[in-house]
Amino acid sequence: QVLRKSLQRGVALSTGSFLVYEAQKLISGFAEVHASFKVEEVIEQADYLYGSGETEKLYRLLIQHKNSDDAELLWRLARASRDLAQLSSTSAEEKRQLAYEALEYAKKALEKNESNFAAHKWYGICLSDVGDFEGIKTKIGNAFVIKEHFQRAIELNPKDATTIHLIGIWCYSFAEMPWYQRKIAATLFATPPTSTFQEYAAHSHLKLFSCLYTADPNFYSKNMLFLGKTYLKLNNKKMALLWLSKAKEYPAHTEEDKQV
């Protein structure tokens, strides 16, 4: 009797209602596919704008997706926020606000996908930027956390030349740390972070070696600048001149290239 009643209810369901139900299922499936396609489309647009140096347009595109659950979109938004903060036309207050926003987006990207190497990289970069607004104690205190994220990024993507460069910058920063900062570091850590110019040079050459597999072996103006500065510290003026000349001649695509 239960089966008979169920069948009667099924027959009572009009053909039109059934078609509406099936159409809703089909549309729902298309919506899911479209949502996925839209993320890929936005990422493609974002990468084009980034490659073209369109910092403001890139930020305006990605800020529309700040509530996204996609780590690929979020770390790109963190990068775009930071790049916007670097522009000379950005006010000091806006720079501060954008730095903290960038850190939040990078943090969210990590929460969404801990295995995303770029999320680790940009979290480390953004955490370092925020330290500029919070004083030397915070900046030194964050140093180990920053390096851990850079190292994790390299573990996840050993061929990422940018992260290897960033580890090099980290080493250079501590090699060049003035005595009073070393004293602060000693009070914060049982074993304060230390480094040497030799260690920086090794990391930079690793980066350059990895770049031999890319279309542009020079890759990054800032790396050339720091290689030159490192060779100066090592009293190798011939190599210093070589890399500083390369940095000088590098085409300036970004604000940072101009500063270099």
C-alpha atoms as a PDB file:
ATOM      1  CA  GLN A   1       0.000   0.000   0.000  1.00  0.00           C
ATOM      2  CA  VAL A   2       2.886   2.372   0.782  1.00  0.00           C
ATOM      3  CA  LEU A   3       4.448   1.576  -2.589  1.00  0.00           C
ATOM      4  CA  ARG A   4       1.114   2.074  -4.363  1.00  0.00           C
ATOM      5  CA  LYS A   5       0.625   5.500  -2.752  1.00  0.00           C
ATOM      6  CA  SER A   6       4.146   6.532  -3.646  1.00  0.00           C
ATOM      7  CA  LEU A   7       3.584   5.541  -7.247  1.00  0.00           C
ATOM      8  CA  GLN A   8       0.308   7.461  -7.307  1.00  0.00           C
ATOM      9  CA  ARG A   9       2.096  10.585  -6.015  1.00  0.00           C
ATOM     10  CA  GLY A  10       4.761  10.109  -8.682  1.00  0.00           C
ATOM     11  CA  VAL A  11       2.145   9.855 -11.449  1.00  0.00           C
ATOM     12  CA  ALA A  12       0.421  12.926 -10.006  1.00  0.00           C
ATOM     13  CA  LEU A  13       3.613  14.927 -10.472  1.00  0.00           C
ATOM     14  CA  SER A  14       3.000  16.848 -13.694  1.00  0.00           C
ATOM     15  CA  THR A  15       5.394  16.601 -16.586  1.00  0.00           C
ATOM     16  CA  GLY A  16       5.962  20.364 -16.301  1.00  0.00           C
ATOM     17  CA  SER A  17       6.965  20.127 -12.633  1.00  0.00           C
ATOM     18  CA  PHE A  18       9.355  17.302 -13.388  1.00  0.00           C
ATOM     19  CA  LEU A  19      10.995  19.304 -16.169  1.00  0.00           C
ATOM     20  CA  VAL A  20      11.360  22.342 -13.872  1.00  0.00           C
ATOM     21  CA  TYR A  21      12.999  20.132 -11.241  1.00  0.00           C
ATOM     22  CA  GLU A  22      15.426  18.623 -13.759  1.00  0.00           C
ATOM     23  CA  ALA A  23      16.180  22.064 -15.215  1.00  0.00           C
ATOM     24  CA  GLN A  24      17.002  23.393 -11.761  1.00  0.00           C
ATOM     25  CA  LYS A  25      19.443  20.516 -11.247  1.00  0.00           C
ATOM     26  CA  LEU A  26      21.046  21.194 -14.630  1.00  0.00           C
ATOM     27  CA  ILE A  27      21.338  24.963 -14.012  1.00  0.00           C
ATOM     28  CA  SER A  28      22.835  24.283 -10.583  1.00  0.00           C
ATOM     29  CA  GLY A  29      25.477  22.075 -12.191  1.00  0.00           C
ATOM     30  CA  PHE A  30      26.253  24.720 -14.812  1.00  0.00           C
ATOM     31  CA  ALA A  31      26.551  27.360 -12.077  1.00  0.00           C
ATOM     32  CA  GLU A  32      29.189  25.313 -10.283  1.00  0.00           C
ATOM     33  CA  VAL A  33      31.176  24.847 -13.496  1.00  0.00           C
ATOM     34  CA  HIS A  34      30.790  28.546 -14.344  1.00  0.00           C
ATOM     35  CA  ALA A  35      31.968  29.604 -10.879  1.00  0.00           C
ATOM     36  CA  SER A  36      35.100  27.503 -11.338  1.00  0.00           C
ATOM     37  CA  PHE A  37      35.645  28.892 -14.823  1.00  0.00           C
ATOM     38  CA  LYS A  38      35.179  32.450 -13.536  1.00  0.00           C
ATOM     39  CA  VAL A  39      37.996  32.028 -10.981  1.00  0.00           C
ATOM     40  CA  GLU A  40      40.328  30.822 -13.727  1.00  0.00           C
ATOM     41  CA  GLU A  41      39.241  33.738 -15.906  1.00  0.00           C
ATOM     42  CA  VAL A  42      39.929  36.293 -13.158  1.00  0.00           C
ATOM     43  CA  ILE A  43      43.345  34.738 -12.472  1.00  0.00           C
ATOM     44  CA  GLU A  44      44.185  34.918 -16.193  1.00  0.00           C
ATOM     45  CA  GLN A  45      43.173  38.600 -16.281  1.00  0.00           C
ATOM     46  CA  ALA A  46      45.110  39.282 -13.089  1.00  0.00           C
ATOM     47  CA  ASP A  47      48.299  37.703 -14.403  1.00  0.00           C
ATOM     48  CA  TYR A  48      48.035  39.699 -17.617  1.00  0.00           C
ATOM     49  CA  LEU A  49      47.633  42.973 -15.688  1.00  0.00           C
ATOM     50  CA  TYR A  50      50.509  42.065 -13.366  1.00  0.00           C
ATOM     51  CA  GLY A  51      52.776  41.320 -16.322  1.00  0.00           C
ATOM     52  CA  SER A  52      51.768  44.648 -17.887  1.00  0.00           C
ATOM     53  CA  GLY A  53      52.574  46.600 -14.701  1.00  0.00           C
ATOM     54  CA  GLU A  54      48.950  47.768 -14.354  1.00  0.00           C
ATOM     55  CA  THR A  55      49.052  47.882 -10.545  1.00  0.00           C
ATOM     56  CA  GLU A  56      45.943  49.979  -9.903  1.00  0.00           C
ATOM     57  CA  LYS A  57      43.780  48.101 -12.434  1.00  0.00           C
ATOM     58  CA  LEU A  58      44.964  44.805 -10.976  1.00  0.00           C
ATOM     59  CA  TYR A  59      44.028  45.875  -7.451  1.00  0.00           C
ATOM     60  CA  ARG A  60      40.576  47.061  -8.579  1.00  0.00           C
ATOM     61  CA  LEU A  61      39.993  43.719 -10.302  1.00  0.00           C
ATOM     62  CA  LEU A  62      41.049  41.550  -7.362  1.00  0.00           C
ATOM     63  CA  ILE A  63      39.525  43.584  -4.517  1.00  0.00           C
ATOM     64  CA  GLN A  64      36.122  42.548  -5.877  1.00  0.00           C
ATOM     65  CA  HIS A  65      37.058  38.995  -4.823  1.00  0.00           C
ATOM     66  CA  LYS A  66      38.364  39.734  -1.312  1.00  0.00           C
ATOM     67  CA  ASN A  67      35.755  37.368   0.175  1.00  0.00           C
ATOM     68  CA  SER A  68      36.784  34.514  -2.102  1.00  0.00           C
ATOM     69  CA  ASP A  69      37.716  31.104  -0.708  1.00  0.00           C
ATOM     70  CA  ASP A  70      40.272  30.562  -3.465  1.00  0.00           C
ATOM     71  CA  ALA A  71      43.886  30.751  -2.251  1.00  0.00           C
ATOM     72  CA  GLU A  72      45.145  31.570  -5.770  1.00  0.00           C
ATOM     73  CA  LEU A  73      42.980  34.685  -5.892  1.00  0.00           C
ATOM     74  CA  LEU A  74      43.774  35.699  -2.316  1.00  0.00           C
ATOM     75  CA  TRP A  75      47.574  35.605  -2.541  1.00  0.00           C
ATOM     76  CA  ARG A  76      47.366  37.589  -5.756  1.00  0.00           C
ATOM     77  CA  LEU A  77      45.238  40.155  -3.936  1.00  0.00           C
ATOM     78  CA  ALA A  78      47.859  40.297  -1.152  1.00  0.00           C
ATOM     79  CA  ARG A  79      50.550  40.922  -3.772  1.00  0.00           C
ATOM     80  CA  ALA A  80      48.450  43.559  -5.557  1.00  0.00           C
ATOM     81  CA  SER A  81      47.728  45.362  -2.266  1.00  0.00           C
ATOM     82  CA  ARG A  82      51.434  45.432  -1.449  1.00  0.00           C
ATOM     83  CA  ASP A  83      52.366  46.620  -4.950  1.00  0.00           C
ATOM     84  CA  LEU A  84      49.821  49.434  -4.665  1.00  0.00           C
ATOM     85  CA  ALA A  85      51.357  50.437  -1.337  1.00  0.00           C
ATOM     86  CA  GLN A  86      54.776  50.666  -3.036  1.00  0.00           C
ATOM     87  CA  LEU A  87      53.628  53.296  -5.554  1.00  0.00           C
ATOM     88  CA  SER A  88      55.033  56.792  -4.991  1.00  0.00           C
ATOM     89  CA  SER A  89      51.535  58.230  -5.480  1.00  0.00           C
ATOM     90  CA  THR A  90      50.191  56.283  -2.472  1.00  0.00           C
ATOM     91  CA  SER A  91      49.976  58.330   0.735  1.00  0.00           C
ATOM     92  CA  ALA A  92      51.712  57.261   3.950  1.00  0.00           C
ATOM     93  CA  GLU A  93      48.395  56.400   5.616  1.00  0.00           C
ATOM     94  CA  GLU A  94      47.258  54.383   2.598  1.00  0.00           C
ATOM     95  CA  LYS A  95      50.597  52.516   2.579  1.00  0.00           C
ATOM     96  CA  ARG A  96      50.039  51.483   6.181  1.00  0.00           C
ATOM     97  CA  GLN A  97      46.442  50.411   5.572  1.00  0.00           C
ATOM     98  CA  LEU A  98      47.347  48.435   2.449  1.00  0.00           C
ATOM     99  CA  ALA A  99      50.218  46.690   4.246  1.00  0.00           C
ATOM    100  CA  TYR A 100      47.874  45.359   6.931  1.00  0.00           C
ATOM    101  CA  GLU A 101      45.214  44.441   4.364  1.00  0.00           C
ATOM    102  CA  ALA A 102      47.799  42.539   2.316  1.00  0.00           C
ATOM    103  CA  LEU A 103      48.818  40.552   5.407  1.00  0.00           C
ATOM    104  CA  GLU A 104      45.191  39.622   6.077  1.00  0.00           C
ATOM    105  CA  TYR A 105      44.668  38.422   2.503  1.00  0.00           C
ATOM    106  CA  ALA A 106      47.881  36.366   2.622  1.00  0.00           C
ATOM    107  CA  LYS A 107      46.846  34.889   5.972  1.00  0.00           C
ATOM    108  CA  LYS A 108      43.445  33.958   4.573  1.00  0.00           C
ATOM    109  CA  ALA A 109      45.097  32.361   1.525  1.00  0.00           C
ATOM    110  CA  LEU A 110      47.154  30.168   3.893  1.00  0.00           C
ATOM    111  CA  GLU A 111      44.042  29.211   5.853  1.00  0.00           C
ATOM    112  CA  LYS A 112      42.333  28.136   2.633  1.00  0.00           C
ATOM    113  CA  ASN A 113      45.310  26.159   1.335  1.00  0.00           C
ATOM    114  CA  GLU A 114      48.339  25.516   3.546  1.00  0.00           C
ATOM    115  CA  SER A 115      50.035  23.713   0.657  1.00  0.00           C
ATOM    116  CA  ASN A 116      50.074  26.775  -1.591  1.00  0.00           C
ATOM    117  CA  PHE A 117      53.705  27.869  -1.898  1.00  0.00           C
ATOM    118  CA  ALA A 118      52.822  31.406  -3.057  1.00  0.00           C
ATOM    119  CA  ALA A 119      50.602  31.932  -0.006  1.00  0.00           C
ATOM    120  CA  HIS A 120      53.589  31.134   2.244  1.00  0.00           C
ATOM    121  CA  LYS A 121      55.848  33.429   0.231  1.00  0.00           C
ATOM    122  CA  TRP A 122      53.501  36.407   0.319  1.00  0.00           C
ATOM    123  CA  TYR A 123      52.612  35.866   3.953  1.00  0.00           C
ATOM    124  CA  GLY A 124      56.333  36.147   4.778  1.00  0.00           C
ATOM    125  CA  ILE A 125      56.717  39.265   2.626  1.00  0.00           C
ATOM    126  CA  CYS A 126      53.633  40.963   4.071  1.00  0.00           C
ATOM    127  CA  LEU A 127      54.599  40.089   7.650  1.00  0.00           C
ATOM    128  CA  SER A 128      57.946  41.753   7.039  1.00  0.00           C
ATOM    129  CA  ASP A 129      56.209  44.878   5.675  1.00  0.00           C
ATOM    130  CA  VAL A 130      53.958  45.189   8.726  1.00  0.00           C
ATOM    131  CA  GLY A 131      57.070  45.046  10.915  1.00  0.00           C
ATOM    132  CA  ASP A 132      58.131  48.384   9.380  1.00  0.00           C
ATOM    133  CA  PHE A 133      55.135  49.992  11.106  1.00  0.00           C
ATOM    134  CA  GLU A 134      55.491  48.210  14.447  1.00  0.00           C
ATOM    135  CA  GLY A 135      59.089  48.883  15.389  1.00  0.00           C
ATOM    136  CA  ILE A 136      62.370  47.030  15.409  1.00  0.00           C
ATOM    137  CA  LYS A 137      61.450  44.611  18.218  1.00  0.00           C
ATOM    138  CA  THR A 138      58.430  43.311  16.313  1.00  0.00           C
ATOM    139  CA  LYS A 139      60.393  43.159  13.067  1.00  0.00           C
ATOM    140  CA  ILE A 140      63.186  41.108  14.634  1.00  0.00           C
ATOM    141  CA  GLY A 141      60.652  39.026  16.548  1.00  0.00           C
ATOM    142  CA  ASN A 142      58.916  38.111  13.287  1.00  0.00           C
ATOM    143  CA  ALA A 143      62.199  37.208  11.588  1.00  0.00           C
ATOM    144  CA  PHE A 144      62.138  33.474  12.336  1.00  0.00           C
ATOM    145  CA  VAL A 145      58.459  33.189  11.342  1.00  0.00           C
ATOM    146  CA  ILE A 146      59.188  34.931   8.041  1.00  0.00           C
ATOM    147  CA  LYS A 147      62.119  32.641   7.244  1.00  0.00           C
ATOM    148  CA  GLU A 148      60.045  29.556   8.125  1.00  0.00           C
ATOM    149  CA  HIS A 149      57.402  30.583   5.587  1.00  0.00           C
ATOM    150  CA  PHE A 150      60.020  31.258   2.908  1.00  0.00           C
ATOM    151  CA  GLN A 151      61.593  27.844   3.582  1.00  0.00           C
ATOM    152  CA  ARG A 152      58.176  26.179   3.433  1.00  0.00           C
ATOM    153  CA  ALA A 153      57.515  27.906   0.096  1.00  0.00           C
ATOM    154  CA  ILE A 154      60.781  26.511  -1.271  1.00  0.00           C
ATOM    155  CA  GLU A 155      59.904  23.020  -0.005  1.00  0.00           C
ATOM    156  CA  LEU A 156      56.606  23.229  -1.890  1.00  0.00           C
ATOM    157  CA  ASN A 157      58.196  24.721  -5.018  1.00  0.00           C
ATOM    158  CA  PRO A 158      62.010  24.326  -5.123  1.00  0.00           C
ATOM    159  CA  LYS A 159      62.213  26.038  -8.526  1.00  0.00           C
ATOM    160  CA  ASP A 160      60.662  29.327  -7.416  1.00  0.00           C
ATOM    161  CA  ALA A 161      63.531  31.766  -7.937  1.00  0.00           C
ATOM    162  CA  THR A 162      61.767  34.633  -6.150  1.00  0.00           C
ATOM    163  CA  THR A 163      61.604  32.796  -2.836  1.00  0.00           C
ATOM    164  CA  ILE A 164      65.260  31.803  -3.043  1.00  0.00           C
ATOM    165  CA  HIS A 165      65.999  35.481  -3.659  1.00  0.00           C
ATOM    166  CA  LEU A 166      63.942  36.392  -0.563  1.00  0.00           C
ATOM    167  CA  ILE A 167      65.900  33.970   1.601  1.00  0.00           C
ATOM    168  CA  GLY A 168      68.987  35.738   0.272  1.00  0.00           C
ATOM    169  CA  ILE A 169      67.565  39.137   1.264  1.00  0.00           C
ATOM    170  CA  TRP A 170      66.771  37.724   4.725  1.00  0.00           C
ATOM    171  CA  CYS A 171      70.379  36.579   5.124  1.00  0.00           C
ATOM    172  CA  TYR A 172      71.739  39.903   3.868  1.00  0.00           C
ATOM    173  CA  SER A 173      69.550  41.856   6.308  1.00  0.00           C
ATOM    174  CA  PHE A 174      70.944  40.014   9.314  1.00  0.00           C
ATOM    175  CA  ALA A 175      74.485  40.120   8.006  1.00  0.00           C
ATOM    176  CA  GLU A 176      74.145  43.917   7.825  1.00  0.00           C
ATOM    177  CA  MET A 177      72.312  44.305  11.147  1.00  0.00           C
ATOM    178  CA  PRO A 178      73.846  47.144  13.234  1.00  0.00           C
ATOM    179  CA  TRP A 179      75.130  46.452  16.744  1.00  0.00           C
ATOM    180  CA  TYR A 180      72.155  47.981  18.568  1.00  0.00           C
ATOM    181  CA  GLN A 181      69.729  45.761  16.654  1.00  0.00           C
ATOM    182  CA  ARG A 182      71.872  42.719  17.440  1.00  0.00           C
ATOM    183  CA  LYS A 183      71.556  43.688  21.107  1.00  0.00           C
ATOM    184  CA  ILE A 184      67.754  43.798  20.793  1.00  0.00           C
ATOM    185  CA  ALA A 185      67.814  40.418  19.023  1.00  0.00           C
ATOM    186  CA  ALA A 186      69.911  38.954  21.853  1.00  0.00           C
ATOM    187  CA  THR A 187      67.227  39.958  24.385  1.00  0.00           C
ATOM    188  CA  LEU A 188      64.447  38.438  22.256  1.00  0.00           C
ATOM    189  CA  PHE A 189      66.098  35.120  21.390  1.00  0.00           C
ATOM    190  CA  ALA A 190      68.322  32.691  23.186  1.00  0.00           C
ATOM    191  CA  THR A 191      69.973  32.236  19.775  1.00  0.00           C
ATOM    192  CA  PRO A 192      69.394  35.446  17.813  1.00  0.00           C
ATOM    193  CA  PRO A 193      69.048  35.207  14.021  1.00  0.00           C
ATOM    194  CA  THR A 194      72.434  35.699  12.400  1.00  0.00           C
ATOM    195  CA  SER A 195      73.793  35.422   8.897  1.00  0.00           C
ATOM    196  CA  THR A 196      76.822  36.199   6.775  1.00  0.00           C
ATOM    197  CA  PHE A 197      77.409  37.837   3.397  1.00  0.00           C
ATOM    198  CA  GLN A 198      78.877  34.530   2.211  1.00  0.00           C
ATOM    199  CA  GLU A 199      75.568  32.818   2.999  1.00  0.00           C
ATOM    200  CA  TYR A 200      73.680  35.505   1.088  1.00  0.00           C
ATOM    201  CA  ALA A 201      75.958  35.129  -1.927  1.00  0.00           C
ATOM    202  CA  ALA A 202      75.396  31.358  -1.929  1.00  0.00           C
ATOM    203  CA  HIS A 203      71.613  31.785  -1.866  1.00  0.00           C
ATOM    204  CA  SER A 204      71.730  34.377  -4.656  1.00  0.00           C
ATOM    205  CA  HIS A 205      73.808  32.137  -6.890  1.00  0.00           C
ATOM    206  CA  LEU A 206      71.353  29.341  -6.269  1.00  0.00           C
ATOM    207  CA  LYS A 207      68.635  31.665  -7.468  1.00  0.00           C
ATOM    208  CA  LEU A 208      70.594  32.639 -10.549  1.00  0.00           C
ATOM    209  CA  PHE A 209      71.276  28.977 -11.282  1.00  0.00           C
ATOM    210  CA  SER A 210      67.578  28.195 -11.085  1.00  0.00           C
ATOM    211  CA  CYS A 211      66.900  31.072 -13.480  1.00  0.00           C
ATOM    212  CA  LEU A 212      68.973  29.377 -16.176  1.00  0.00           C
ATOM    213  CA  TYR A 213      65.875  27.263 -16.738  1.00  0.00           C
ATOM    214  CA  THR A 214      63.740  30.326 -17.490  1.00  0.00           C
ATOM    215  CA  ALA A 215      63.551  32.558 -20.524  1.00  0.00           C
ATOM    216  CA  ASP A 216      65.266  35.441 -18.704  1.00  0.00           C
ATOM    217  CA  PRO A 217      68.382  34.405 -16.754  1.00  0.00           C
ATOM    218  CA  ASN A 218      68.695  37.885 -15.210  1.00  0.00           C
ATOM    219  CA  PHE A 219      65.171  37.614 -13.792  1.00  0.00           C
ATOM    220  CA  TYR A 220      65.060  40.319 -11.148  1.00  0.00           C
ATOM    221  CA  SER A 221      66.692  43.739 -10.790  1.00  0.00           C
ATOM    222  CA  LYS A 222      66.725  43.713  -6.981  1.00  0.00           C
ATOM    223  CA  ASN A 223      68.644  40.458  -6.899  1.00  0.00           C
ATOM    224  CA  MET A 224      71.321  41.979  -9.137  1.00  0.00           C
ATOM    225  CA  LEU A 225      71.517  45.014  -6.845  1.00  0.00           C
ATOM    226  CA  PHE A 226      71.987  42.880  -3.750  1.00  0.00           C
ATOM    227  CA  LEU A 227      74.534  40.675  -5.465  1.00  0.00           C
ATOM    228  CA  GLY A 228      76.509  43.807  -6.260  1.00  0.00           C
ATOM    229  CA  LYS A 229      76.210  45.083  -2.676  1.00  0.00           C
ATOM    230  CA  THR A 230      77.245  41.679  -1.345  1.00  0.00           C
ATOM    231  CA  TYR A 231      80.365  41.579  -3.516  1.00  0.00           C
ATOM    232  CA  LEU A 232      81.242  45.053  -2.245  1.00  0.00           C
ATOM    233  CA  LYS A 233      80.992  43.748   1.330  1.00  0.00           C
ATOM    234  CA  LEU A 234      83.234  40.856   0.301  1.00  0.00           C
ATOM    235  CA  ASN A 235      85.664  43.412  -1.195  1.00  0.00           C
ATOM    236  CA  ASN A 236      85.303  41.962  -4.698  1.00  0.00           C
ATOM    237  CA  LYS A 237      84.889  45.188  -6.641  1.00  0.00           C
ATOM    238  CA  LYS A 238      85.163  43.582 -10.082  1.00  0.00           C
ATOM    239  CA  MET A 239      82.128  41.328  -9.481  1.00  0.00           C
ATOM    240  CA  ALA A 240      80.332  44.146  -7.656  1.00  0.00           C
ATOM    241  CA  LEU A 241      80.687  46.393 -10.697  1.00  0.00           C
ATOM    242  CA  LEU A 242      79.430  43.611 -12.976  1.00  0.00           C
ATOM    243  CA  TRP A 243      76.179  43.088 -11.038  1.00  0.00           C
ATOM    244  CA  LEU A 244      75.562  46.749 -10.229  1.00  0.00           C
ATOM    245  CA  SER A 245      75.945  47.528 -13.935  1.00  0.00           C
ATOM    246  CA  LYS A 246      73.413  44.811 -14.775  1.00  0.00           C
ATOM    247  CA  ALA A 247      71.012  46.280 -12.186  1.00  0.00           C
ATOM    248  CA  LYS A 248      71.492  49.754 -13.659  1.00  0.00           C
ATOM    249  CA  GLU A 249      70.810  48.562 -17.202  1.00  0.00           C
ATOM    250  CA  TYR A 250      67.786  46.422 -16.270  1.00  0.00           C
ATOM    251  CA  PRO A 251      64.576  47.754 -17.937  1.00  0.00           C
ATOM    252  CA  ALA A 252      62.368  49.351 -15.272  1.00  0.00           C
ATOM    253  CA  HIS A 253      58.929  47.698 -15.488  1.00  0.00           C
ATOM    254  CA  THR A 254      57.794  48.281 -11.906  1.00  0.00           C
ATOM    255  CA  GLU A 255      58.120  50.937  -9.215  1.00  0.00           C
ATOM    256  CA  GLU A 256      60.620  48.708  -7.434  1.00  0.00           C
ATOM    257  CA  ASP A 257      62.738  48.440 -10.599  1.00  0.00           C
ATOM    258  CA  LYS A 258      62.873  52.243 -10.692  1.00  0.00           C
ATOM    259  CA  GLN A 259      63.973  52.374  -7.052  1.00  0.00           C
ATOM    260  CA  VAL A 260      66.679  49.790  -7.777  1.00  0.00           C
END
